[in-house]
N, C-alpha and C. Protein backbone atom coordinates (compact mmCIF):
# COMPACT_ATOMS: atom_id res chain seq x y z
N MET A 1 -40.41 -33.85 -31.42
CA MET A 1 -40.59 -34.61 -30.20
C MET A 1 -41.11 -36.01 -30.55
N VAL A 2 -40.71 -37.00 -29.79
CA VAL A 2 -41.16 -38.37 -29.99
C VAL A 2 -41.68 -38.92 -28.68
N GLN A 3 -42.37 -40.06 -28.77
CA GLN A 3 -42.98 -40.65 -27.58
C GLN A 3 -42.16 -41.84 -27.12
N CYS A 4 -42.01 -41.98 -25.79
CA CYS A 4 -41.30 -43.12 -25.20
C CYS A 4 -42.31 -43.98 -24.44
N LEU A 5 -41.82 -44.76 -23.50
CA LEU A 5 -42.62 -45.72 -22.76
C LEU A 5 -42.27 -45.65 -21.28
N LYS A 6 -42.90 -46.09 -20.50
CA LYS A 6 -44.11 -46.51 -19.82
C LYS A 6 -45.03 -45.34 -19.65
N TYR A 7 -44.48 -44.19 -19.38
CA TYR A 7 -45.32 -43.02 -19.49
C TYR A 7 -45.21 -42.58 -20.93
N GLN A 8 -46.29 -42.04 -21.47
CA GLN A 8 -46.15 -41.48 -22.80
C GLN A 8 -45.38 -40.19 -22.61
N ILE A 9 -44.17 -40.20 -23.09
CA ILE A 9 -43.25 -39.09 -22.86
C ILE A 9 -42.89 -38.47 -24.19
N ALA A 10 -43.08 -37.20 -24.29
CA ALA A 10 -42.59 -36.50 -25.47
C ALA A 10 -41.17 -36.07 -25.16
N VAL A 11 -40.25 -36.43 -26.03
CA VAL A 11 -38.85 -36.08 -25.85
C VAL A 11 -38.55 -34.83 -26.65
N ASP A 12 -38.09 -33.81 -25.97
CA ASP A 12 -37.68 -32.56 -26.60
C ASP A 12 -36.15 -32.56 -26.59
N PHE A 13 -35.56 -32.97 -27.72
CA PHE A 13 -34.10 -33.09 -27.80
C PHE A 13 -33.41 -31.74 -27.69
N GLU A 14 -33.99 -30.73 -28.31
CA GLU A 14 -33.36 -29.41 -28.34
C GLU A 14 -33.25 -28.80 -26.95
N ASN A 15 -34.32 -28.89 -26.17
CA ASN A 15 -34.34 -28.28 -24.84
C ASN A 15 -34.00 -29.27 -23.73
N LYS A 16 -33.69 -30.52 -24.12
CA LYS A 16 -33.31 -31.57 -23.17
C LYS A 16 -34.36 -31.74 -22.07
N LYS A 17 -35.58 -32.03 -22.50
CA LYS A 17 -36.68 -32.22 -21.55
C LYS A 17 -37.55 -33.39 -21.97
N LEU A 18 -38.15 -34.02 -20.96
CA LEU A 18 -39.17 -35.05 -21.18
C LEU A 18 -40.49 -34.49 -20.68
N TYR A 19 -41.52 -34.63 -21.48
CA TYR A 19 -42.85 -34.19 -21.08
C TYR A 19 -43.69 -35.44 -20.81
N ILE A 20 -43.94 -35.71 -19.56
CA ILE A 20 -44.68 -36.90 -19.16
C ILE A 20 -46.16 -36.53 -19.09
N ARG A 21 -46.98 -37.19 -19.91
CA ARG A 21 -48.39 -36.83 -20.00
C ARG A 21 -49.36 -38.00 -19.83
N ASN A 22 -48.95 -39.20 -20.22
CA ASN A 22 -49.84 -40.37 -20.16
C ASN A 22 -49.07 -41.59 -19.69
N ASN A 23 -49.80 -42.58 -19.20
CA ASN A 23 -49.23 -43.89 -18.90
C ASN A 23 -49.56 -44.84 -20.04
N LEU A 24 -48.68 -45.75 -20.30
CA LEU A 24 -48.99 -46.89 -21.16
C LEU A 24 -49.09 -48.09 -20.24
N LEU A 25 -50.22 -48.77 -20.30
CA LEU A 25 -50.51 -49.88 -19.40
C LEU A 25 -50.97 -51.07 -20.22
N TYR A 26 -51.16 -52.20 -19.56
CA TYR A 26 -51.66 -53.39 -20.23
C TYR A 26 -52.79 -53.99 -19.42
N ALA A 27 -53.86 -54.37 -20.10
CA ALA A 27 -54.96 -55.12 -19.49
C ALA A 27 -55.42 -56.16 -20.51
N LYS A 28 -55.81 -57.33 -20.04
CA LYS A 28 -56.26 -58.39 -20.96
C LYS A 28 -57.39 -57.90 -21.85
N ASP A 29 -58.31 -57.10 -21.28
CA ASP A 29 -59.48 -56.63 -22.04
C ASP A 29 -59.11 -55.70 -23.19
N TYR A 30 -58.12 -54.82 -22.97
CA TYR A 30 -57.80 -53.77 -23.95
C TYR A 30 -56.49 -54.01 -24.68
N GLY A 31 -55.63 -54.84 -24.11
CA GLY A 31 -54.25 -54.92 -24.60
C GLY A 31 -53.49 -53.73 -24.03
N ILE A 32 -52.56 -53.19 -24.81
CA ILE A 32 -51.82 -52.01 -24.38
C ILE A 32 -52.74 -50.81 -24.56
N TYR A 33 -52.84 -49.99 -23.54
CA TYR A 33 -53.71 -48.82 -23.63
C TYR A 33 -53.06 -47.62 -22.93
N GLN A 34 -53.58 -46.45 -23.26
CA GLN A 34 -53.09 -45.20 -22.66
C GLN A 34 -54.08 -44.70 -21.63
N ASP A 35 -53.55 -44.16 -20.57
CA ASP A 35 -54.40 -43.54 -19.55
C ASP A 35 -53.62 -42.37 -18.95
N THR A 36 -54.32 -41.55 -18.21
CA THR A 36 -53.66 -40.43 -17.57
C THR A 36 -52.81 -40.94 -16.40
N PRO A 37 -51.80 -40.20 -16.00
CA PRO A 37 -51.00 -40.60 -14.84
C PRO A 37 -51.86 -40.69 -13.59
N LYS A 38 -51.31 -41.36 -12.56
CA LYS A 38 -52.04 -41.57 -11.31
C LYS A 38 -52.55 -40.29 -10.69
N THR A 39 -51.71 -39.28 -10.62
CA THR A 39 -52.10 -38.03 -9.98
C THR A 39 -51.85 -36.87 -10.94
N GLU A 40 -52.40 -35.74 -10.61
CA GLU A 40 -52.22 -34.53 -11.41
C GLU A 40 -50.75 -34.14 -11.51
N THR A 41 -50.01 -34.34 -10.43
CA THR A 41 -48.59 -33.95 -10.44
C THR A 41 -47.71 -34.97 -11.15
N SER A 42 -48.26 -36.15 -11.47
CA SER A 42 -47.49 -37.13 -12.23
C SER A 42 -47.25 -36.65 -13.65
N ALA A 43 -48.15 -35.83 -14.17
CA ALA A 43 -47.95 -35.21 -15.48
C ALA A 43 -47.00 -34.04 -15.24
N ARG A 44 -45.78 -34.15 -15.80
CA ARG A 44 -44.76 -33.16 -15.47
C ARG A 44 -43.73 -33.05 -16.58
N THR A 45 -42.88 -32.07 -16.44
CA THR A 45 -41.75 -31.86 -17.35
C THR A 45 -40.48 -32.14 -16.55
N VAL A 46 -39.62 -32.98 -17.12
CA VAL A 46 -38.40 -33.39 -16.43
C VAL A 46 -37.19 -33.05 -17.30
N PRO A 47 -36.27 -32.24 -16.79
CA PRO A 47 -35.05 -31.98 -17.55
C PRO A 47 -34.16 -33.22 -17.56
N ILE A 48 -33.44 -33.42 -18.66
CA ILE A 48 -32.53 -34.56 -18.75
C ILE A 48 -31.11 -34.07 -19.05
N PRO A 49 -30.11 -34.82 -18.62
CA PRO A 49 -28.73 -34.42 -18.90
C PRO A 49 -28.43 -34.47 -20.40
N GLN A 50 -27.45 -33.71 -20.81
CA GLN A 50 -27.01 -33.67 -22.21
C GLN A 50 -26.70 -35.08 -22.73
N GLU A 51 -26.02 -35.89 -21.90
CA GLU A 51 -25.64 -37.24 -22.32
C GLU A 51 -26.87 -38.10 -22.61
N THR A 52 -27.91 -37.96 -21.80
CA THR A 52 -29.13 -38.73 -22.03
C THR A 52 -29.81 -38.27 -23.30
N ALA A 53 -29.87 -36.96 -23.51
CA ALA A 53 -30.46 -36.43 -24.74
C ALA A 53 -29.70 -36.95 -25.96
N GLU A 54 -28.38 -37.00 -25.87
CA GLU A 54 -27.57 -37.50 -26.99
C GLU A 54 -27.82 -38.98 -27.26
N LEU A 55 -27.93 -39.79 -26.19
CA LEU A 55 -28.22 -41.22 -26.36
C LEU A 55 -29.60 -41.42 -26.99
N LEU A 56 -30.59 -40.67 -26.51
CA LEU A 56 -31.94 -40.78 -27.09
C LEU A 56 -31.95 -40.32 -28.55
N GLN A 57 -31.18 -39.29 -28.86
CA GLN A 57 -31.10 -38.80 -30.23
C GLN A 57 -30.46 -39.85 -31.14
N GLU A 58 -29.41 -40.50 -30.64
CA GLU A 58 -28.74 -41.57 -31.40
C GLU A 58 -29.72 -42.72 -31.65
N TYR A 59 -30.45 -43.10 -30.61
CA TYR A 59 -31.45 -44.16 -30.75
C TYR A 59 -32.52 -43.73 -31.75
N ARG A 60 -32.93 -42.49 -31.70
CA ARG A 60 -33.95 -41.95 -32.62
C ARG A 60 -33.47 -42.06 -34.07
N GLN A 61 -32.19 -41.81 -34.32
CA GLN A 61 -31.66 -41.93 -35.68
C GLN A 61 -31.75 -43.37 -36.17
N TRP A 62 -31.44 -44.33 -35.28
CA TRP A 62 -31.59 -45.74 -35.62
C TRP A 62 -33.06 -46.05 -35.91
N TRP A 63 -33.96 -45.52 -35.08
CA TRP A 63 -35.39 -45.73 -35.21
C TRP A 63 -35.89 -45.20 -36.57
N LEU A 64 -35.43 -44.02 -36.96
CA LEU A 64 -35.83 -43.44 -38.25
C LEU A 64 -35.36 -44.31 -39.41
N LEU A 65 -34.14 -44.84 -39.32
CA LEU A 65 -33.61 -45.73 -40.34
C LEU A 65 -34.45 -47.00 -40.41
N LEU A 66 -34.76 -47.59 -39.26
CA LEU A 66 -35.59 -48.80 -39.21
C LEU A 66 -36.95 -48.53 -39.85
N ARG A 67 -37.54 -47.40 -39.50
CA ARG A 67 -38.85 -47.04 -40.04
C ARG A 67 -38.80 -46.92 -41.56
N ARG A 68 -37.76 -46.27 -42.06
CA ARG A 68 -37.61 -46.07 -43.51
C ARG A 68 -37.39 -47.41 -44.21
N GLU A 69 -36.50 -48.24 -43.65
CA GLU A 69 -36.18 -49.53 -44.26
C GLU A 69 -37.32 -50.54 -44.16
N SER A 70 -38.21 -50.37 -43.20
CA SER A 70 -39.32 -51.31 -43.01
C SER A 70 -40.44 -51.11 -44.01
N GLY A 71 -40.51 -49.94 -44.60
CA GLY A 71 -41.53 -49.68 -45.61
C GLY A 71 -42.93 -49.94 -45.09
N SER A 72 -43.69 -50.73 -45.86
CA SER A 72 -45.09 -50.97 -45.51
C SER A 72 -45.26 -51.90 -44.30
N ALA A 73 -44.18 -52.55 -43.86
CA ALA A 73 -44.28 -53.40 -42.67
C ALA A 73 -44.47 -52.57 -41.40
N TRP A 74 -44.09 -51.28 -41.47
CA TRP A 74 -44.25 -50.38 -40.33
C TRP A 74 -45.70 -49.92 -40.28
N ASN A 75 -46.34 -50.10 -39.15
CA ASN A 75 -47.71 -49.62 -38.96
C ASN A 75 -47.65 -48.11 -38.71
N MET A 76 -47.93 -47.32 -39.76
CA MET A 76 -47.83 -45.87 -39.64
C MET A 76 -48.87 -45.29 -38.69
N PHE A 77 -50.03 -45.93 -38.62
CA PHE A 77 -51.09 -45.54 -37.70
C PHE A 77 -51.48 -46.77 -36.90
N ILE A 78 -51.73 -46.57 -35.63
CA ILE A 78 -52.06 -47.69 -34.76
C ILE A 78 -53.39 -47.45 -34.06
N GLU A 79 -53.99 -48.54 -33.66
CA GLU A 79 -55.20 -48.49 -32.83
C GLU A 79 -54.74 -48.77 -31.40
N ILE A 80 -55.02 -47.84 -30.50
CA ILE A 80 -54.65 -48.02 -29.10
C ILE A 80 -55.78 -47.48 -28.24
N SER A 81 -56.18 -48.25 -27.24
CA SER A 81 -57.31 -47.87 -26.40
C SER A 81 -56.92 -46.82 -25.37
N ASP A 82 -57.95 -46.11 -24.91
CA ASP A 82 -57.75 -45.20 -23.77
C ASP A 82 -58.12 -45.97 -22.50
N GLY A 83 -58.08 -45.33 -21.37
CA GLY A 83 -58.36 -45.97 -20.08
C GLY A 83 -59.76 -46.54 -19.94
N SER A 84 -60.67 -46.13 -20.83
CA SER A 84 -62.04 -46.65 -20.79
C SER A 84 -62.26 -47.76 -21.81
N GLY A 85 -61.21 -48.10 -22.54
CA GLY A 85 -61.32 -49.16 -23.54
C GLY A 85 -61.74 -48.68 -24.91
N ASN A 86 -61.86 -47.37 -25.11
CA ASN A 86 -62.24 -46.83 -26.41
C ASN A 86 -61.02 -46.77 -27.32
N ALA A 87 -61.11 -47.43 -28.48
CA ALA A 87 -59.98 -47.46 -29.41
C ALA A 87 -59.76 -46.08 -30.01
N GLN A 88 -58.50 -45.69 -30.06
CA GLN A 88 -58.10 -44.42 -30.65
C GLN A 88 -57.13 -44.73 -31.79
N ARG A 89 -57.25 -44.03 -32.88
CA ARG A 89 -56.31 -44.19 -33.99
C ARG A 89 -55.33 -43.02 -33.92
N GLU A 90 -54.04 -43.34 -33.92
CA GLU A 90 -53.04 -42.28 -33.87
C GLU A 90 -51.79 -42.69 -34.64
N ARG A 91 -50.99 -41.69 -34.95
CA ARG A 91 -49.73 -41.90 -35.67
C ARG A 91 -48.78 -42.71 -34.79
N ALA A 92 -48.06 -43.65 -35.40
CA ALA A 92 -47.15 -44.54 -34.68
C ALA A 92 -45.80 -43.84 -34.48
N ASP A 93 -45.71 -43.00 -33.46
CA ASP A 93 -44.49 -42.26 -33.17
C ASP A 93 -43.85 -42.67 -31.86
N PHE A 94 -44.16 -43.87 -31.38
CA PHE A 94 -43.55 -44.34 -30.14
C PHE A 94 -42.10 -44.71 -30.40
N LEU A 95 -41.21 -44.25 -29.57
CA LEU A 95 -39.78 -44.46 -29.77
C LEU A 95 -39.38 -45.91 -29.46
N PHE A 96 -39.95 -46.48 -28.41
CA PHE A 96 -39.65 -47.87 -28.05
C PHE A 96 -40.82 -48.72 -28.50
N ILE A 97 -40.54 -49.59 -29.46
CA ILE A 97 -41.60 -50.25 -30.22
C ILE A 97 -41.51 -51.77 -30.19
N GLN A 98 -42.60 -52.38 -30.65
CA GLN A 98 -42.63 -53.82 -30.86
C GLN A 98 -42.08 -54.12 -32.25
N GLU A 99 -41.74 -55.37 -32.44
CA GLU A 99 -41.26 -55.81 -33.75
C GLU A 99 -42.27 -56.77 -34.36
N GLY A 100 -41.96 -57.32 -35.52
CA GLY A 100 -42.84 -58.28 -36.17
C GLY A 100 -44.08 -57.61 -36.73
N GLU A 101 -45.23 -58.29 -36.62
CA GLU A 101 -46.50 -57.77 -37.15
C GLU A 101 -46.90 -56.45 -36.51
N MET A 102 -46.46 -56.22 -35.30
CA MET A 102 -46.85 -55.03 -34.55
C MET A 102 -45.80 -53.91 -34.65
N LEU A 103 -44.96 -53.97 -35.67
CA LEU A 103 -43.90 -52.98 -35.85
C LEU A 103 -44.48 -51.57 -35.88
N GLY A 104 -44.01 -50.74 -34.96
CA GLY A 104 -44.52 -49.37 -34.84
C GLY A 104 -45.43 -49.18 -33.64
N TYR A 105 -45.99 -50.28 -33.14
CA TYR A 105 -46.80 -50.20 -31.93
C TYR A 105 -45.87 -50.04 -30.72
N PRO A 106 -46.35 -49.43 -29.64
CA PRO A 106 -45.48 -49.26 -28.48
C PRO A 106 -45.09 -50.60 -27.86
N MET A 107 -43.89 -50.63 -27.33
CA MET A 107 -43.40 -51.81 -26.61
C MET A 107 -44.35 -52.13 -25.47
N HIS A 108 -44.51 -53.40 -25.19
CA HIS A 108 -45.35 -53.83 -24.07
C HIS A 108 -44.78 -53.22 -22.78
N PRO A 109 -45.63 -52.62 -21.93
CA PRO A 109 -45.13 -51.99 -20.70
C PRO A 109 -44.33 -52.90 -19.78
N ASP A 110 -44.56 -54.21 -19.87
CA ASP A 110 -43.83 -55.14 -19.00
C ASP A 110 -42.53 -55.66 -19.61
N SER A 111 -42.19 -55.22 -20.81
CA SER A 111 -40.98 -55.72 -21.49
C SER A 111 -39.71 -55.44 -20.70
N ILE A 112 -39.58 -54.25 -20.15
CA ILE A 112 -38.38 -53.90 -19.40
C ILE A 112 -38.28 -54.74 -18.13
N THR A 113 -39.41 -54.93 -17.45
CA THR A 113 -39.45 -55.76 -16.25
C THR A 113 -39.02 -57.19 -16.58
N SER A 114 -39.54 -57.73 -17.66
CA SER A 114 -39.17 -59.10 -18.08
C SER A 114 -37.69 -59.19 -18.41
N TYR A 115 -37.20 -58.21 -19.13
CA TYR A 115 -35.78 -58.20 -19.48
C TYR A 115 -34.91 -58.17 -18.21
N LEU A 116 -35.24 -57.29 -17.28
CA LEU A 116 -34.45 -57.17 -16.05
C LEU A 116 -34.51 -58.46 -15.22
N SER A 117 -35.65 -59.12 -15.21
CA SER A 117 -35.76 -60.40 -14.48
C SER A 117 -34.84 -61.45 -15.09
N ARG A 118 -34.85 -61.56 -16.43
CA ARG A 118 -33.97 -62.52 -17.11
C ARG A 118 -32.50 -62.16 -16.88
N PHE A 119 -32.19 -60.86 -16.97
CA PHE A 119 -30.82 -60.39 -16.76
C PHE A 119 -30.35 -60.73 -15.34
N SER A 120 -31.19 -60.44 -14.35
CA SER A 120 -30.84 -60.72 -12.95
C SER A 120 -30.57 -62.21 -12.74
N GLU A 121 -31.44 -63.03 -13.31
CA GLU A 121 -31.29 -64.48 -13.15
C GLU A 121 -30.01 -64.97 -13.85
N ARG A 122 -29.79 -64.51 -15.07
CA ARG A 122 -28.62 -64.93 -15.84
C ARG A 122 -27.31 -64.53 -15.16
N GLU A 123 -27.28 -63.32 -14.59
CA GLU A 123 -26.07 -62.80 -13.96
C GLU A 123 -26.00 -63.12 -12.46
N LYS A 124 -26.98 -63.92 -11.98
CA LYS A 124 -27.04 -64.31 -10.57
C LYS A 124 -27.05 -63.09 -9.64
N LEU A 125 -27.88 -62.14 -9.98
CA LEU A 125 -28.05 -60.91 -9.19
C LEU A 125 -29.38 -60.97 -8.45
N PRO A 126 -29.53 -60.17 -7.41
CA PRO A 126 -30.85 -60.07 -6.78
C PRO A 126 -31.85 -59.52 -7.79
N HIS A 127 -33.10 -59.76 -7.53
CA HIS A 127 -34.16 -59.27 -8.43
C HIS A 127 -34.04 -57.76 -8.64
N ILE A 128 -34.10 -57.33 -9.88
CA ILE A 128 -34.05 -55.90 -10.23
C ILE A 128 -35.33 -55.59 -11.00
N ASN A 129 -35.97 -54.48 -10.65
CA ASN A 129 -37.12 -54.04 -11.42
C ASN A 129 -36.94 -52.56 -11.78
N PRO A 130 -37.65 -52.07 -12.79
CA PRO A 130 -37.46 -50.68 -13.22
C PRO A 130 -37.69 -49.66 -12.11
N HIS A 131 -38.58 -49.97 -11.19
CA HIS A 131 -38.88 -49.02 -10.11
C HIS A 131 -37.67 -48.82 -9.20
N ALA A 132 -36.80 -49.82 -9.14
CA ALA A 132 -35.59 -49.71 -8.32
C ALA A 132 -34.70 -48.57 -8.81
N PHE A 133 -34.69 -48.32 -10.11
CA PHE A 133 -33.89 -47.23 -10.65
C PHE A 133 -34.43 -45.88 -10.17
N ARG A 134 -35.74 -45.79 -10.06
CA ARG A 134 -36.37 -44.57 -9.55
C ARG A 134 -35.94 -44.32 -8.10
N HIS A 135 -35.97 -45.39 -7.29
CA HIS A 135 -35.56 -45.26 -5.89
C HIS A 135 -34.07 -44.91 -5.77
N THR A 136 -33.27 -45.54 -6.62
CA THR A 136 -31.84 -45.24 -6.61
C THR A 136 -31.59 -43.78 -6.93
N LEU A 137 -32.26 -43.29 -7.96
CA LEU A 137 -32.10 -41.88 -8.35
C LEU A 137 -32.51 -40.95 -7.21
N ALA A 138 -33.66 -41.20 -6.61
CA ALA A 138 -34.12 -40.35 -5.51
C ALA A 138 -33.14 -40.39 -4.34
N SER A 139 -32.61 -41.57 -4.05
CA SER A 139 -31.65 -41.70 -2.95
C SER A 139 -30.37 -40.92 -3.26
N VAL A 140 -29.88 -41.02 -4.48
CA VAL A 140 -28.67 -40.29 -4.88
C VAL A 140 -28.91 -38.79 -4.76
N LEU A 141 -30.06 -38.33 -5.19
CA LEU A 141 -30.38 -36.90 -5.09
C LEU A 141 -30.42 -36.46 -3.63
N CYS A 142 -31.07 -37.26 -2.78
CA CYS A 142 -31.13 -36.93 -1.34
C CYS A 142 -29.73 -36.83 -0.74
N LEU A 143 -28.92 -37.83 -1.02
CA LEU A 143 -27.58 -37.89 -0.43
C LEU A 143 -26.64 -36.82 -0.97
N ASN A 144 -27.04 -36.21 -2.08
CA ASN A 144 -26.21 -35.14 -2.65
C ASN A 144 -26.79 -33.76 -2.41
N GLY A 145 -27.67 -33.67 -1.42
CA GLY A 145 -28.12 -32.37 -0.95
C GLY A 145 -29.24 -31.70 -1.74
N ILE A 146 -29.88 -32.41 -2.65
CA ILE A 146 -31.02 -31.82 -3.36
C ILE A 146 -32.19 -31.80 -2.39
N ASP A 147 -32.87 -30.66 -2.32
CA ASP A 147 -33.95 -30.54 -1.34
C ASP A 147 -35.13 -31.46 -1.68
N ILE A 148 -35.81 -31.89 -0.64
CA ILE A 148 -36.87 -32.90 -0.77
C ILE A 148 -38.05 -32.40 -1.60
N THR A 149 -38.33 -31.10 -1.59
CA THR A 149 -39.43 -30.56 -2.39
C THR A 149 -39.12 -30.71 -3.88
N THR A 150 -37.88 -30.41 -4.26
CA THR A 150 -37.48 -30.56 -5.66
C THR A 150 -37.53 -32.02 -6.09
N ILE A 151 -37.05 -32.91 -5.23
CA ILE A 151 -37.08 -34.34 -5.53
C ILE A 151 -38.52 -34.81 -5.68
N SER A 152 -39.38 -34.37 -4.79
CA SER A 152 -40.79 -34.75 -4.84
C SER A 152 -41.43 -34.34 -6.16
N LYS A 153 -41.16 -33.12 -6.59
CA LYS A 153 -41.73 -32.64 -7.87
C LYS A 153 -41.14 -33.42 -9.03
N TRP A 154 -39.86 -33.70 -8.98
CA TRP A 154 -39.19 -34.43 -10.05
C TRP A 154 -39.77 -35.83 -10.18
N LEU A 155 -40.08 -36.46 -9.04
CA LEU A 155 -40.67 -37.80 -9.03
C LEU A 155 -42.15 -37.80 -9.40
N GLY A 156 -42.77 -36.62 -9.34
CA GLY A 156 -44.20 -36.52 -9.65
C GLY A 156 -45.10 -36.90 -8.49
N HIS A 157 -44.56 -36.86 -7.27
CA HIS A 157 -45.40 -37.15 -6.11
C HIS A 157 -46.41 -36.03 -5.91
N ASN A 158 -47.60 -36.40 -5.50
CA ASN A 158 -48.68 -35.45 -5.29
C ASN A 158 -48.41 -34.57 -4.08
N ASN A 159 -47.66 -35.11 -3.11
CA ASN A 159 -47.42 -34.40 -1.86
C ASN A 159 -46.00 -34.70 -1.39
N VAL A 160 -45.31 -33.70 -0.90
CA VAL A 160 -43.94 -33.89 -0.43
C VAL A 160 -43.88 -34.88 0.73
N THR A 161 -44.97 -35.03 1.46
CA THR A 161 -45.04 -35.99 2.56
C THR A 161 -44.82 -37.41 2.04
N THR A 162 -45.34 -37.71 0.86
CA THR A 162 -45.14 -39.03 0.26
C THR A 162 -43.65 -39.29 0.09
N THR A 163 -42.95 -38.32 -0.45
CA THR A 163 -41.51 -38.45 -0.68
C THR A 163 -40.79 -38.60 0.66
N LEU A 164 -41.16 -37.79 1.64
CA LEU A 164 -40.53 -37.88 2.96
C LEU A 164 -40.72 -39.26 3.58
N ASN A 165 -41.92 -39.80 3.47
CA ASN A 165 -42.19 -41.12 4.04
C ASN A 165 -41.37 -42.22 3.37
N ILE A 166 -41.23 -42.15 2.06
CA ILE A 166 -40.51 -43.19 1.32
C ILE A 166 -39.01 -43.11 1.57
N TYR A 167 -38.48 -41.88 1.64
CA TYR A 167 -37.02 -41.70 1.71
C TYR A 167 -36.52 -41.22 3.06
N GLU A 168 -37.33 -41.41 4.10
CA GLU A 168 -36.95 -40.99 5.45
C GLU A 168 -35.63 -41.61 5.90
N HIS A 169 -35.44 -42.89 5.58
CA HIS A 169 -34.20 -43.57 5.99
C HIS A 169 -32.97 -42.92 5.37
N ILE A 170 -33.10 -42.44 4.15
CA ILE A 170 -31.97 -41.76 3.48
C ILE A 170 -31.73 -40.40 4.14
N LEU A 171 -32.81 -39.70 4.45
CA LEU A 171 -32.67 -38.39 5.09
C LEU A 171 -32.04 -38.51 6.47
N ASP A 172 -32.34 -39.61 7.18
CA ASP A 172 -31.74 -39.83 8.49
C ASP A 172 -30.21 -39.93 8.39
N GLU A 173 -29.72 -40.52 7.30
CA GLU A 173 -28.27 -40.63 7.10
C GLU A 173 -27.63 -39.25 6.99
N GLY A 174 -28.39 -38.27 6.52
CA GLY A 174 -27.88 -36.91 6.36
C GLY A 174 -27.74 -36.17 7.68
N LYS A 175 -28.37 -36.65 8.76
CA LYS A 175 -28.30 -35.96 10.05
C LYS A 175 -26.86 -35.87 10.57
N GLU A 176 -26.08 -36.92 10.31
CA GLU A 176 -24.68 -36.89 10.74
C GLU A 176 -23.91 -35.81 9.98
N LYS A 177 -24.25 -35.61 8.73
CA LYS A 177 -23.60 -34.57 7.93
C LYS A 177 -23.92 -33.19 8.49
N VAL A 178 -25.11 -33.01 9.05
CA VAL A 178 -25.49 -31.72 9.62
C VAL A 178 -24.56 -31.38 10.78
N ALA A 179 -24.34 -32.34 11.67
CA ALA A 179 -23.45 -32.10 12.81
C ALA A 179 -22.05 -31.76 12.33
N ASP A 180 -21.54 -32.49 11.36
CA ASP A 180 -20.20 -32.21 10.83
C ASP A 180 -20.15 -30.84 10.16
N CYS A 181 -21.19 -30.49 9.47
CA CYS A 181 -21.24 -29.18 8.79
C CYS A 181 -21.21 -28.05 9.81
N ILE A 182 -22.03 -28.17 10.86
CA ILE A 182 -22.06 -27.14 11.91
C ILE A 182 -20.69 -27.01 12.55
N SER A 183 -20.08 -28.16 12.82
CA SER A 183 -18.75 -28.15 13.42
C SER A 183 -17.75 -27.46 12.50
N ASP A 184 -17.77 -27.80 11.22
CA ASP A 184 -16.83 -27.22 10.27
C ASP A 184 -17.02 -25.71 10.11
N VAL A 185 -18.25 -25.26 10.05
CA VAL A 185 -18.53 -23.86 9.77
C VAL A 185 -18.36 -22.99 11.01
N ILE A 186 -18.84 -23.46 12.14
CA ILE A 186 -18.91 -22.59 13.32
C ILE A 186 -17.80 -22.85 14.33
N LEU A 187 -17.50 -24.12 14.58
CA LEU A 187 -16.63 -24.45 15.69
C LEU A 187 -15.16 -24.65 15.36
N LYS A 188 -14.82 -24.94 14.14
CA LYS A 188 -13.41 -25.17 13.79
C LYS A 188 -12.65 -23.86 13.79
N LYS A 189 -11.47 -23.90 14.32
CA LYS A 189 -10.62 -22.70 14.33
C LYS A 189 -10.02 -22.54 12.94
N ARG A 190 -10.01 -21.34 12.48
CA ARG A 190 -9.44 -21.03 11.17
C ARG A 190 -7.98 -20.66 11.31
N ALA A 191 -7.17 -21.06 10.38
CA ALA A 191 -5.75 -20.75 10.41
C ALA A 191 -5.46 -19.35 9.94
C-alpha cells in the first residue's frame, strides 16, 4: 500500500480500495502537516474501479523508478507535523510528491487547485476546483439510482441529511423518473 494526497490514503492495489485515514493540509506555521479527517465518518474505505487501480499501479511503477534513479536525492525519511505542530519523522512513501530539494515529501495540498486554475484560464473554461469533481461524482451516482445512504457513506458525510441538503436539487430531477417508472410498471398495457 502507498500513500496519496490530500487525504492520506493508503492504496490497496490488490483489493482495489483506498483507505482514507488522514488529511494533508498546509499552514504557514507548520508547512504541510497531517491531521485527522473532519469527522469520524470521513475516515473510510472506498472501493475503486479496476481501471483506476491500474492507472495508480502504472503511476506507482514510474514512482518506484524515479525513487531508484534519484538515489540519495530522494528523502527516504521526512519530517512532517501533526495537527498540533509536533514534528513526526516517517518513511517517505507518499505517491504524489514534490520535486527538487523536497523530493519524496508529499505534494503541496494546493498543487492540484493551482494546476486546475491555470488549466481553466489557459483553456478559457469556467473556474474548476478539485471539489467540483466530488460534486460531479455524487450527482452522477444520484442520477444513476444509487441510494443516498450509500452515496453519503462513500462521500464520508457524518449524516445522510448533509448529503440530502447538498444534492436535493439532483434528487428533485429524479421525481419525474418516479412517475414514468410507475406508469411503465403498473399502468402500461402489456402486449
